[in-house]
């Protein structure tokens, strides 16, 4: 054997190419399954839009009519009523040093999670790369018109979020030690048992749990590390596939310290820093938008015009609509059921109160922040720097991906901002990965039991996917991530169609308790 030849051997493919070769067929296969068409319309689109419309109409436009009430609940206006005497029994939570054990939350007094804390925690998990990279990807694929459909999806998604998070609190489970578990796995199981369809509920819950684990590895993990690595590499000028692997390993170490070595105390820092970074991001968006004040009406005009007369090459109106809804669903997760896992840990006597708080998430995430990002990118491209609707963005002969395009748009107006944006992207990615590690772990334990072995095995796999996502190319990672996140919609929405009448009961009970009329009341 030629030892020198052996030592000097270089593989034909780098790790990024190997990962891409593995990811691409999986992404393509899942995409074909999840986005299968009925009368040339993706069935998942029918589920999301149809379901959201049904909930919006059935609950008398709860997303609009009860918006002021939601704000008042977050402000704590009705806390004294919720904490008063009530015939509904609430579980004794496992509280240690003011912390509800094994739940994702912002630390509060004596283990109680207020509505504001719950909203802040959930928003910190959803506001992130979907707003930064996802919007750029939507505009690249569908042009400015995709923004309009993202807004529509966000508004309708408010009703869906209300339904699923109310059910999440109503049917949450409590362990022997007082630990709270919740989410679609539990409201599908217990809710369907309530309506005499126990077997079907268990099947749907198991399907959701499997898909949730996959989604935690994809959209909640690989996509996050991919965009964080892409932005870091772009900022420092690193080239080659090995850079993504190196950054992925570093991110895995950081996240590993959090999720393996004590998620509660270390996550406190992230939970405080991420909202601060989100504030800086919104402030920068507003600065750029108002710096181009005269172009605001033109930008919105372009959004509305292209929403119904889309760019050529994408496949027409449905193509733009699909892109907009996909990106919005990935960003705010309305219909996927994942947010209900976090909201279920909230201590309240009235499940509908938390559902009303939860409906604010899609509004903040999609209607406000995603629209701001879209306006910044559209204003940046007012001089025709790149072509809309081509599937990829090419600037000066270089293909630009997701978060990098957003960074370039900010840099054109604020030269130093890419450094801040890079920090924000990394923090958003880490925060989202931590949140999704919790979602995935809850689903994993639902399937394999609540043992230490199950806990550790999941976390090791989760950390490996951080490296995988950072080393793979964007198209493969986002294809897989989209498919896994959107796949959650099937069992979850199917369950919501059966269980949403229960939400009506909870809403009426809560409105009666706080003395708000069931019909529109201007004094709400």
Protein backbone atom coordinates (compact mmCIF):
# COMPACT_ATOMS: atom_id res chain seq x y z
CA UNK A 1 0.00 0.00 0.00
CA UNK A 2 1.28 3.48 -0.91
CA UNK A 3 1.17 5.25 2.46
CA UNK A 4 1.96 8.67 1.00
CA UNK A 5 -0.89 8.35 -1.48
CA UNK A 6 -3.23 7.29 1.29
CA UNK A 7 -2.29 10.25 3.48
CA UNK A 8 -2.67 12.72 0.61
CA UNK A 9 -6.06 11.37 -0.47
CA UNK A 10 -8.79 13.99 -0.93
CA UNK A 11 -12.42 12.91 -1.34
CA UNK A 12 -14.14 13.79 -4.59
CA UNK A 13 -16.98 15.45 -2.71
CA UNK A 14 -16.88 17.81 0.24
CA UNK A 15 -19.17 17.38 3.25
CA UNK A 16 -21.49 20.11 1.94
CA UNK A 17 -21.93 18.26 -1.37
CA UNK A 18 -22.54 14.97 0.42
CA UNK A 19 -25.18 16.60 2.63
CA UNK A 20 -26.78 18.34 -0.34
CA UNK A 21 -26.97 15.06 -2.26
CA UNK A 22 -28.73 13.49 0.73
CA UNK A 23 -31.06 16.44 1.43
CA UNK A 24 -32.21 17.20 -2.10
CA UNK A 25 -34.10 13.96 -2.87
CA UNK A 26 -35.69 14.03 0.61
CA UNK A 27 -36.76 17.64 0.10
CA UNK A 28 -38.12 16.88 -3.37
CA UNK A 29 -40.01 13.81 -2.20
CA UNK A 30 -41.55 15.60 0.79
CA UNK A 31 -42.39 18.59 -1.36
CA UNK A 32 -44.29 16.37 -3.80
CA UNK A 33 -46.22 14.74 -0.96
CA UNK A 34 -47.02 17.88 1.05
CA UNK A 35 -47.83 20.10 -1.94
CA UNK A 36 -49.94 17.60 -3.88
CA UNK A 37 -52.63 19.34 -5.93
CA UNK A 38 -56.40 19.11 -6.13
CA UNK A 39 -57.83 20.80 -9.24
CA UNK A 40 -54.38 22.29 -9.74
CA UNK A 41 -54.44 23.93 -6.28
CA UNK A 42 -52.13 22.60 -3.52
CA UNK A 43 -54.38 20.82 -1.03
CA UNK A 44 -52.45 22.30 1.89
CA UNK A 45 -53.43 25.75 0.63
CA UNK A 46 -57.08 24.68 0.69
CA UNK A 47 -56.64 23.48 4.27
CA UNK A 48 -54.92 26.63 5.49
CA UNK A 49 -57.06 29.19 3.69
CA UNK A 50 -60.31 27.23 3.98
CA UNK A 51 -59.76 26.45 7.64
CA UNK A 52 -58.77 30.00 8.53
CA UNK A 53 -61.83 31.36 6.70
CA UNK A 54 -64.14 28.91 8.50
CA UNK A 55 -62.70 29.87 11.89
CA UNK A 56 -62.82 33.58 11.08
CA UNK A 57 -66.49 33.42 10.06
CA UNK A 58 -67.57 30.96 12.78
CA UNK A 59 -66.03 33.13 15.50
CA UNK A 60 -67.48 36.30 13.97
CA UNK A 61 -64.15 37.75 12.82
CA UNK A 62 -62.45 37.21 16.16
CA UNK A 63 -59.16 38.34 14.59
CA UNK A 64 -60.54 41.85 14.09
CA UNK A 65 -63.43 42.26 16.56
CA UNK A 66 -61.53 40.88 19.56
CA UNK A 67 -58.22 42.58 18.74
CA UNK A 68 -58.77 45.38 21.33
CA UNK A 69 -59.81 42.76 23.89
CA UNK A 70 -56.59 40.83 23.21
CA UNK A 71 -54.56 43.96 23.90
CA UNK A 72 -56.41 44.50 27.18
CA UNK A 73 -55.77 40.90 28.25
CA UNK A 74 -52.05 41.32 27.60
CA UNK A 75 -52.13 44.58 29.58
CA UNK A 76 -53.50 42.60 32.52
CA UNK A 77 -56.91 44.30 32.65
CA UNK A 78 -58.70 41.06 33.55
CA UNK A 79 -56.03 39.39 35.69
CA UNK A 80 -58.02 39.91 38.88
CA UNK A 81 -60.92 37.96 37.41
CA UNK A 82 -58.75 35.12 36.16
CA UNK A 83 -57.08 34.80 39.57
CA UNK A 84 -60.36 34.88 41.45
CA UNK A 85 -62.62 32.03 42.48
CA UNK A 86 -63.62 29.76 39.65
CA UNK A 87 -65.18 26.30 39.55
CA UNK A 88 -62.56 25.11 37.06
CA UNK A 89 -59.78 23.16 38.77
CA UNK A 90 -56.25 24.17 37.81
CA UNK A 91 -53.24 21.89 38.32
CA UNK A 92 -50.61 22.49 40.97
CA UNK A 93 -47.55 23.27 38.88
CA UNK A 94 -44.09 21.97 39.77
CA UNK A 95 -42.40 25.20 40.86
CA UNK A 96 -38.73 25.40 41.85
CA UNK A 97 -37.19 28.81 42.61
CA UNK A 98 -39.98 30.59 40.78
CA UNK A 99 -39.69 28.36 37.71
CA UNK A 100 -42.14 25.89 36.19
CA UNK A 101 -39.92 22.89 35.60
CA UNK A 102 -39.50 21.57 32.06
CA UNK A 103 -41.41 24.36 30.33
CA UNK A 104 -40.15 27.08 28.02
CA UNK A 105 -41.02 30.39 29.61
CA UNK A 106 -39.75 33.77 30.72
CA UNK A 107 -39.06 33.69 34.45
CA UNK A 108 -41.87 35.23 36.50
CA UNK A 109 -43.01 35.60 40.06
CA UNK A 110 -43.76 32.41 41.97
CA UNK A 111 -44.01 30.27 38.85
CA UNK A 112 -46.92 32.18 37.32
CA UNK A 113 -46.67 32.94 33.57
CA UNK A 114 -48.56 36.11 32.71
CA UNK A 115 -50.23 36.64 29.35
CA UNK A 116 -47.61 39.22 28.43
CA UNK A 117 -44.78 36.82 29.31
CA UNK A 118 -46.38 34.06 27.25
CA UNK A 119 -46.77 36.36 24.26
CA UNK A 120 -43.18 37.62 24.56
CA UNK A 121 -41.86 34.06 24.74
CA UNK A 122 -43.85 32.88 21.73
CA UNK A 123 -43.02 35.95 19.64
CA UNK A 124 -39.31 35.55 20.39
CA UNK A 125 -39.58 32.05 18.94
CA UNK A 126 -41.42 33.09 15.77
CA UNK A 127 -39.86 36.48 14.99
CA UNK A 128 -36.58 35.59 13.34
CA UNK A 129 -35.28 34.15 10.12
CA UNK A 130 -38.74 33.71 8.65
CA UNK A 131 -39.01 37.49 8.74
CA UNK A 132 -35.46 38.16 7.54
CA UNK A 133 -34.66 35.37 5.08
CA UNK A 134 -38.17 34.10 4.34
CA UNK A 135 -39.50 37.42 3.08
CA UNK A 136 -36.49 37.88 0.81
CA UNK A 137 -37.04 34.38 -0.57
CA UNK A 138 -40.76 35.07 -1.14
CA UNK A 139 -40.01 38.26 -3.09
CA UNK A 140 -37.28 36.54 -5.10
CA UNK A 141 -39.69 33.76 -6.09
CA UNK A 142 -42.98 35.62 -6.38
CA UNK A 143 -42.10 39.27 -6.71
CA UNK A 144 -43.61 42.06 -4.55
CA UNK A 145 -47.09 40.53 -4.92
CA UNK A 146 -46.14 37.68 -2.60
CA UNK A 147 -46.08 40.25 0.22
CA UNK A 148 -49.81 40.88 -0.18
CA UNK A 149 -50.62 37.21 0.23
CA UNK A 150 -48.30 36.99 3.24
CA UNK A 151 -50.35 39.77 4.86
CA UNK A 152 -53.64 38.01 4.02
CA UNK A 153 -52.28 34.78 5.45
CA UNK A 154 -51.19 36.60 8.60
CA UNK A 155 -54.63 38.15 9.15
CA UNK A 156 -56.47 34.87 8.57
CA UNK A 157 -53.87 32.97 10.59
CA UNK A 158 -54.82 35.00 13.65
CA UNK A 159 -58.11 33.08 13.85
CA UNK A 160 -56.37 29.73 13.43
CA UNK A 161 -53.84 30.58 16.13
CA UNK A 162 -56.69 31.51 18.46
CA UNK A 163 -58.35 28.12 17.98
CA UNK A 164 -55.27 25.93 18.35
CA UNK A 165 -53.84 27.76 21.38
CA UNK A 166 -57.20 27.73 23.20
CA UNK A 167 -57.34 23.97 22.65
CA UNK A 168 -53.72 23.65 23.76
CA UNK A 169 -54.53 25.10 27.18
CA UNK A 170 -57.91 23.32 27.49
CA UNK A 171 -56.52 19.83 26.89
CA UNK A 172 -53.01 20.12 28.32
CA UNK A 173 -51.69 17.24 30.39
CA UNK A 174 -50.08 17.32 33.80
CA UNK A 175 -47.42 14.83 34.88
CA UNK A 176 -47.26 13.20 38.31
CA UNK A 177 -44.72 15.82 39.39
CA UNK A 178 -46.94 18.67 38.22
CA UNK A 179 -45.06 19.33 34.99
CA UNK A 180 -47.33 20.67 32.24
CA UNK A 181 -47.32 19.09 28.79
CA UNK A 182 -49.43 20.32 25.92
CA UNK A 183 -49.86 20.89 22.24
CA UNK A 184 -51.61 19.09 19.39
CA UNK A 185 -50.47 15.67 20.62
CA UNK A 186 -52.61 16.15 23.70
CA UNK A 187 -55.63 18.01 22.35
CA UNK A 188 -55.90 15.52 19.50
CA UNK A 189 -55.81 12.62 21.98
CA UNK A 190 -57.98 14.05 24.77
CA UNK A 191 -60.19 16.25 22.59
CA UNK A 192 -61.13 13.43 20.24
CA UNK A 193 -61.83 11.22 23.26
CA UNK A 194 -64.30 13.91 24.35
CA UNK A 195 -66.22 13.61 21.09
CA UNK A 196 -66.13 9.81 21.03
CA UNK A 197 -63.38 9.37 18.45
CA UNK A 198 -60.54 8.24 20.69
CA UNK A 199 -58.88 5.92 18.15
CA UNK A 200 -58.75 8.54 15.42
CA UNK A 201 -57.37 11.08 17.88
CA UNK A 202 -54.51 8.80 18.90
CA UNK A 203 -53.57 8.17 15.26
CA UNK A 204 -53.58 11.90 14.44
CA UNK A 205 -51.58 12.67 17.59
CA UNK A 206 -48.92 10.09 16.69
CA UNK A 207 -48.67 11.42 13.12
CA UNK A 208 -48.31 14.97 14.41
CA UNK A 209 -45.63 13.95 16.91
CA UNK A 210 -43.55 12.25 14.20
CA UNK A 211 -43.86 15.25 11.89
CA UNK A 212 -43.11 17.66 14.73
CA UNK A 213 -39.83 15.88 15.40
CA UNK A 214 -38.98 16.19 11.71
CA UNK A 215 -40.01 19.86 11.69
CA UNK A 216 -37.80 20.54 14.70
CA UNK A 217 -34.84 19.10 12.79
CA UNK A 218 -35.76 21.06 9.64
CA UNK A 219 -37.45 24.44 9.97
CA UNK A 220 -36.69 24.79 13.66
CA UNK A 221 -33.06 23.81 13.31
CA UNK A 222 -31.38 23.21 9.93
CA UNK A 223 -32.94 26.27 8.27
CA UNK A 224 -31.91 28.46 11.20
CA UNK A 225 -28.28 27.33 11.24
CA UNK A 226 -28.16 27.51 7.43
CA UNK A 227 -29.06 31.18 7.28
CA UNK A 228 -26.94 32.10 10.30
CA UNK A 229 -23.94 30.38 8.70
CA UNK A 230 -24.65 32.00 5.32
CA UNK A 231 -24.80 35.48 6.86
CA UNK A 232 -21.67 34.98 8.97
CA UNK A 233 -19.71 33.60 6.03
CA UNK A 234 -20.81 36.48 3.82
CA UNK A 235 -19.88 39.10 6.41
CA UNK A 236 -16.36 37.81 7.11
CA UNK A 237 -15.66 36.74 3.54
CA UNK A 238 -15.35 33.01 4.24
CA UNK A 239 -15.61 30.81 1.17
CA UNK A 240 -15.98 27.11 0.51
CA UNK A 241 -18.20 24.42 1.95
CA UNK A 242 -16.00 23.90 5.01
CA UNK A 243 -16.92 27.33 6.38
CA UNK A 244 -20.53 26.25 6.88
CA UNK A 245 -19.42 23.12 8.72
CA UNK A 246 -17.15 25.10 11.03
CA UNK A 247 -19.86 27.65 11.83
CA UNK A 248 -22.35 24.81 12.32
CA UNK A 249 -20.10 23.13 14.87
CA UNK A 250 -19.73 26.40 16.79
CA UNK A 251 -23.50 26.96 16.79
CA UNK A 252 -24.05 23.35 17.90
CA UNK A 253 -21.72 23.85 20.85
CA UNK A 254 -23.53 27.04 21.90
CA UNK A 255 -27.00 25.52 21.57
CA UNK A 256 -25.77 22.30 23.19
CA UNK A 257 -24.65 24.16 26.29
CA UNK A 258 -28.15 25.60 26.56
CA UNK A 259 -30.34 22.56 25.86
CA UNK A 260 -28.14 19.96 27.58
CA UNK A 261 -26.48 21.96 30.33
CA UNK A 262 -29.41 23.88 31.79
CA UNK A 263 -31.89 25.48 29.46
CA UNK A 264 -33.66 27.50 32.13
CA UNK A 265 -30.94 29.79 33.44
CA UNK A 266 -28.94 30.28 30.24
CA UNK A 267 -32.09 30.91 28.17
CA UNK A 268 -32.87 33.89 30.40
CA UNK A 269 -30.11 35.83 28.64
CA UNK A 270 -31.40 34.96 25.16
CA UNK A 271 -34.99 35.77 26.10
CA UNK A 272 -33.92 39.26 27.13
CA UNK A 273 -31.51 39.93 24.27
CA UNK A 274 -33.71 38.68 21.40
CA UNK A 275 -36.62 41.09 22.01
CA UNK A 276 -34.03 43.87 22.21
CA UNK A 277 -32.56 42.82 18.86
CA UNK A 278 -36.07 42.58 17.38
CA UNK A 279 -36.64 46.15 18.53
CA UNK A 280 -33.46 47.32 16.81
CA UNK A 281 -34.50 45.47 13.64
CA UNK A 282 -37.93 47.11 13.58
CA UNK A 283 -36.40 50.53 14.29
CA UNK A 284 -33.98 50.09 11.36
CA UNK A 285 -36.87 49.08 9.08
CA UNK A 286 -38.83 52.16 10.06
CA UNK A 287 -35.78 54.38 9.55
CA UNK A 288 -35.30 53.11 5.99
CA UNK A 289 -39.03 53.22 5.17
CA UNK A 290 -39.47 56.81 6.34
CA UNK A 291 -36.17 57.83 4.74
CA UNK A 292 -37.86 56.81 1.48
CA UNK A 293 -41.20 58.33 2.47
CA UNK A 294 -42.04 59.47 -1.07
CA UNK A 295 -41.67 55.89 -2.33
CA UNK A 296 -43.96 54.26 0.26
CA UNK A 297 -47.09 54.64 -1.86
CA UNK A 298 -45.22 53.31 -4.92
CA UNK A 299 -44.01 50.28 -2.94
CA UNK A 300 -47.51 49.43 -1.72
CA UNK A 301 -48.85 50.02 -5.22
CA UNK A 302 -46.33 47.52 -6.56
CA UNK A 303 -47.33 44.99 -3.89
CA UNK A 304 -51.06 45.21 -4.70
CA UNK A 305 -50.55 45.32 -8.47
CA UNK A 306 -48.26 42.27 -8.55
CA UNK A 307 -50.51 40.35 -6.17
CA UNK A 308 -53.03 39.96 -9.00
CA UNK A 309 -50.80 40.48 -12.05
CA UNK A 310 -47.74 38.47 -11.01
CA UNK A 311 -44.32 38.41 -12.59
CA UNK A 312 -44.01 36.10 -15.60
CA UNK A 313 -42.29 32.80 -15.14
CA UNK A 314 -43.68 31.82 -11.73
CA UNK A 315 -46.85 30.17 -12.90
CA UNK A 316 -49.49 32.86 -12.52
CA UNK A 317 -51.63 34.06 -9.65
CA UNK A 318 -51.70 30.78 -7.73
CA UNK A 319 -47.90 30.63 -7.89
CA UNK A 320 -47.55 34.00 -6.17
CA UNK A 321 -50.32 33.16 -3.70
CA UNK A 322 -48.70 29.83 -2.81
CA UNK A 323 -45.29 31.42 -2.25
CA UNK A 324 -46.82 34.09 -0.03
CA UNK A 325 -48.78 31.60 2.06
CA UNK A 326 -45.84 29.19 2.33
CA UNK A 327 -43.52 31.86 3.65
CA UNK A 328 -46.15 33.26 6.01
CA UNK A 329 -46.98 29.80 7.36
CA UNK A 330 -43.28 29.14 7.89
CA UNK A 331 -42.89 32.49 9.65
CA UNK A 332 -45.88 32.57 12.03
CA UNK A 333 -46.65 28.81 12.14
CA UNK A 334 -50.43 29.42 12.30
CA UNK A 335 -52.11 26.13 11.44
CA UNK A 336 -49.02 24.10 12.25
CA UNK A 337 -49.93 23.85 15.94
CA UNK A 338 -46.39 24.25 17.23
CA UNK A 339 -47.04 27.47 19.17
CA UNK A 340 -49.73 25.76 21.23
CA UNK A 341 -47.01 23.61 22.80
CA UNK A 342 -45.50 26.71 24.41
CA UNK A 343 -48.84 28.38 25.23
CA UNK A 344 -50.05 25.26 26.99
CA UNK A 345 -47.61 25.91 29.84
CA UNK A 346 -49.41 29.12 30.79
CA UNK A 347 -51.26 29.16 34.10
CA UNK A 348 -54.82 30.35 33.51
CA UNK A 349 -58.33 29.27 34.42
CA UNK A 350 -59.75 30.30 31.06
CA UNK A 351 -58.20 28.65 27.98
CA UNK A 352 -59.83 31.20 25.64
CA UNK A 353 -57.94 34.03 27.31
CA UNK A 354 -54.65 32.57 26.10
CA UNK A 355 -56.13 31.90 22.67
CA UNK A 356 -57.03 35.59 22.39
CA UNK A 357 -53.49 36.56 23.38
CA UNK A 358 -52.04 34.12 20.85
CA UNK A 359 -53.92 35.67 17.93
CA UNK A 360 -51.64 38.71 18.27
CA UNK A 361 -48.61 36.64 17.18
CA UNK A 362 -49.36 36.39 13.43
CA UNK A 363 -50.23 40.08 13.41
CA UNK A 364 -46.91 41.09 14.97
CA UNK A 365 -44.86 38.53 13.09
CA UNK A 366 -46.35 38.62 9.59
CA UNK A 367 -48.59 41.66 9.17
CA UNK A 368 -46.14 44.08 10.82
CA UNK A 369 -42.56 42.80 10.72
CA UNK A 370 -42.69 40.80 7.46
CA UNK A 371 -44.33 43.76 5.70
CA UNK A 372 -41.58 46.06 6.97
CA UNK A 373 -38.89 43.74 5.63
CA UNK A 374 -40.65 43.50 2.28
CA UNK A 375 -40.86 47.29 1.98
CA UNK A 376 -37.13 47.64 2.70
CA UNK A 377 -36.26 45.09 -0.02
CA UNK A 378 -38.68 46.62 -2.56
CA UNK A 379 -37.28 50.08 -1.91
CA UNK A 380 -33.75 48.73 -2.30
CA UNK A 381 -34.71 47.27 -5.67
CA UNK A 382 -36.44 50.43 -6.92
CA UNK A 383 -33.52 50.95 -9.32
CA UNK A 384 -33.88 47.43 -10.77
CA UNK A 385 -30.85 45.85 -9.07
CA UNK A 386 -32.29 42.34 -9.53
CA UNK A 387 -35.23 40.75 -11.36
CA UNK A 388 -38.33 39.61 -9.54
CA UNK A 389 -39.82 36.17 -9.98
CA UNK A 390 -36.75 34.43 -11.33
CA UNK A 391 -36.46 31.92 -8.50
CA UNK A 392 -33.06 33.27 -7.48
CA UNK A 393 -31.53 36.70 -7.01
CA UNK A 394 -28.42 37.55 -9.03
CA UNK A 395 -26.59 40.78 -8.21
CA UNK A 396 -23.36 41.67 -10.02
CA UNK A 397 -23.11 38.13 -11.35
CA UNK A 398 -23.38 36.57 -7.87
CA UNK A 399 -26.35 34.55 -6.65
CA UNK A 400 -27.60 36.00 -3.37
CA UNK A 401 -29.54 33.97 -0.81
CA UNK A 402 -32.25 34.88 1.74
CA UNK A 403 -30.77 36.79 4.65
CA UNK A 404 -27.85 38.08 2.56
CA UNK A 405 -30.29 39.92 0.26
CA UNK A 406 -32.00 41.49 3.27
CA UNK A 407 -28.59 42.47 4.65
CA UNK A 408 -27.64 44.13 1.35
CA UNK A 409 -30.91 46.08 1.37
CA UNK A 410 -30.16 47.41 4.85
CA UNK A 411 -26.54 48.12 4.03
CA UNK A 412 -27.56 50.37 1.13
CA UNK A 413 -29.28 52.70 3.62
CA UNK A 414 -27.29 52.01 6.82
CA UNK A 415 -23.69 51.02 5.89
CA UNK A 416 -22.83 49.60 9.32
CA UNK A 417 -26.12 47.75 9.89
CA UNK A 418 -25.06 44.36 8.39
CA UNK A 419 -22.92 43.80 11.49
CA UNK A 420 -25.91 44.39 13.75
CA UNK A 421 -28.14 42.32 11.46
CA UNK A 422 -25.64 39.45 11.56
CA UNK A 423 -25.73 39.49 15.36
CA UNK A 424 -29.54 39.63 15.27
CA UNK A 425 -29.72 36.71 12.82
CA UNK A 426 -27.43 34.58 14.98
CA UNK A 427 -29.40 35.42 18.12
CA UNK A 428 -32.72 34.82 16.36
CA UNK A 429 -31.42 31.50 15.06
CA UNK A 430 -30.21 30.36 18.48
CA UNK A 431 -33.44 31.45 20.16
CA UNK A 432 -35.58 29.67 17.57
CA UNK A 433 -33.46 26.52 17.78
CA UNK A 434 -33.84 26.49 21.57
CA UNK A 435 -37.62 26.90 21.31
CA UNK A 436 -37.94 24.21 18.64
CA UNK A 437 -35.72 21.85 20.60
CA UNK A 438 -38.41 22.06 23.28
CA UNK A 439 -41.23 21.48 20.77
CA UNK A 440 -39.45 18.53 19.22
CA UNK A 441 -38.51 17.08 22.59
CA UNK A 442 -42.12 17.17 23.75
CA UNK A 443 -43.16 15.29 20.59
CA UNK A 444 -40.24 12.86 20.96
CA UNK A 445 -41.19 12.09 24.57
CA UNK A 446 -44.83 11.64 23.56
CA UNK A 447 -43.64 8.92 21.19
CA UNK A 448 -40.85 7.30 23.20
CA UNK A 449 -41.68 8.08 26.82
CA UNK A 450 -40.46 10.67 29.29
CA UNK A 451 -37.12 9.05 30.14
CA UNK A 452 -33.58 10.45 30.39
CA UNK A 453 -32.49 8.20 27.52
CA UNK A 454 -35.18 9.62 25.27
CA UNK A 455 -34.25 13.13 26.35
CA UNK A 456 -30.53 12.71 25.61
CA UNK A 457 -30.95 10.83 22.32
CA UNK A 458 -33.18 13.56 20.90
CA UNK A 459 -30.82 16.35 21.91
CA UNK A 460 -27.81 14.65 20.33
CA UNK A 461 -29.69 14.23 17.03
CA UNK A 462 -30.88 17.84 17.24
CA UNK A 463 -27.31 19.12 17.58
CA UNK A 464 -26.15 17.03 14.61
CA UNK A 465 -28.79 18.66 12.43
CA UNK A 466 -27.39 22.09 13.30
CA UNK A 467 -24.14 21.10 11.58
CA UNK A 468 -26.02 19.47 8.71
CA UNK A 469 -28.08 22.59 8.08
CA UNK A 470 -25.10 24.94 8.19
CA UNK A 471 -23.15 22.84 5.66
CA UNK A 472 -25.99 22.27 3.15
CA UNK A 473 -27.06 24.69 0.43
CA UNK A 474 -30.10 26.88 0.92
CA UNK A 475 -32.43 25.33 -1.64
CA UNK A 476 -32.06 21.85 -0.18
CA UNK A 477 -32.46 23.01 3.43
CA UNK A 478 -35.45 25.28 2.80
CA UNK A 479 -37.13 22.61 0.67
CA UNK A 480 -36.86 20.09 3.49
CA UNK A 481 -37.78 22.67 6.15
CA UNK A 482 -40.85 23.93 4.28
CA UNK A 483 -42.11 20.41 3.74
CA UNK A 484 -41.72 19.41 7.39
CA UNK A 485 -43.31 22.59 8.81
CA UNK A 486 -46.19 22.47 6.33
CA UNK A 487 -46.73 18.76 6.89
CA UNK A 488 -47.77 19.55 10.47
CA UNK A 489 -50.78 21.32 9.02
CA UNK A 490 -52.47 18.08 7.91
CA UNK A 491 -53.07 16.33 11.26
CA UNK A 492 -53.42 19.61 13.15
CA UNK A 493 -55.97 21.28 10.87
CA UNK A 494 -57.91 18.03 10.53
CA UNK A 495 -58.18 17.95 14.31
CA UNK A 496 -59.16 21.62 14.55
CA UNK A 497 -62.08 21.03 12.18
CA UNK A 498 -63.51 18.52 14.67
CA UNK A 499 -62.69 20.40 17.87
CA UNK A 500 -63.32 24.08 17.14
CA UNK A 501 -66.89 24.00 18.58
CA UNK A 502 -65.23 23.35 21.97
CA UNK A 503 -63.40 26.65 21.53
CA UNK A 504 -66.72 28.46 21.15
CA UNK A 505 -67.76 27.14 24.57
CA UNK A 506 -64.52 28.36 26.12
CA UNK A 507 -64.76 31.78 24.46
CA UNK A 508 -68.32 32.32 25.70
CA UNK A 509 -67.37 31.18 29.21
CA UNK A 510 -64.49 33.67 29.30
CA UNK A 511 -66.49 36.57 27.87
CA UNK A 512 -69.23 35.95 30.44
CA UNK A 513 -66.66 35.85 33.25
CA UNK A 514 -65.09 39.20 32.38
CA UNK A 515 -68.42 40.84 31.59
CA UNK A 516 -67.84 41.42 27.88
CA UNK A 517 -70.80 40.98 25.54
CA UNK A 518 -70.61 38.07 23.15
CA UNK A 519 -71.40 40.40 20.28
CA UNK A 520 -69.50 43.46 19.20
CA UNK A 521 -69.04 45.97 22.01
CA UNK A 522 -67.27 49.26 21.34
CA UNK A 523 -66.26 49.46 25.00
CA UNK A 524 -64.17 46.27 24.91
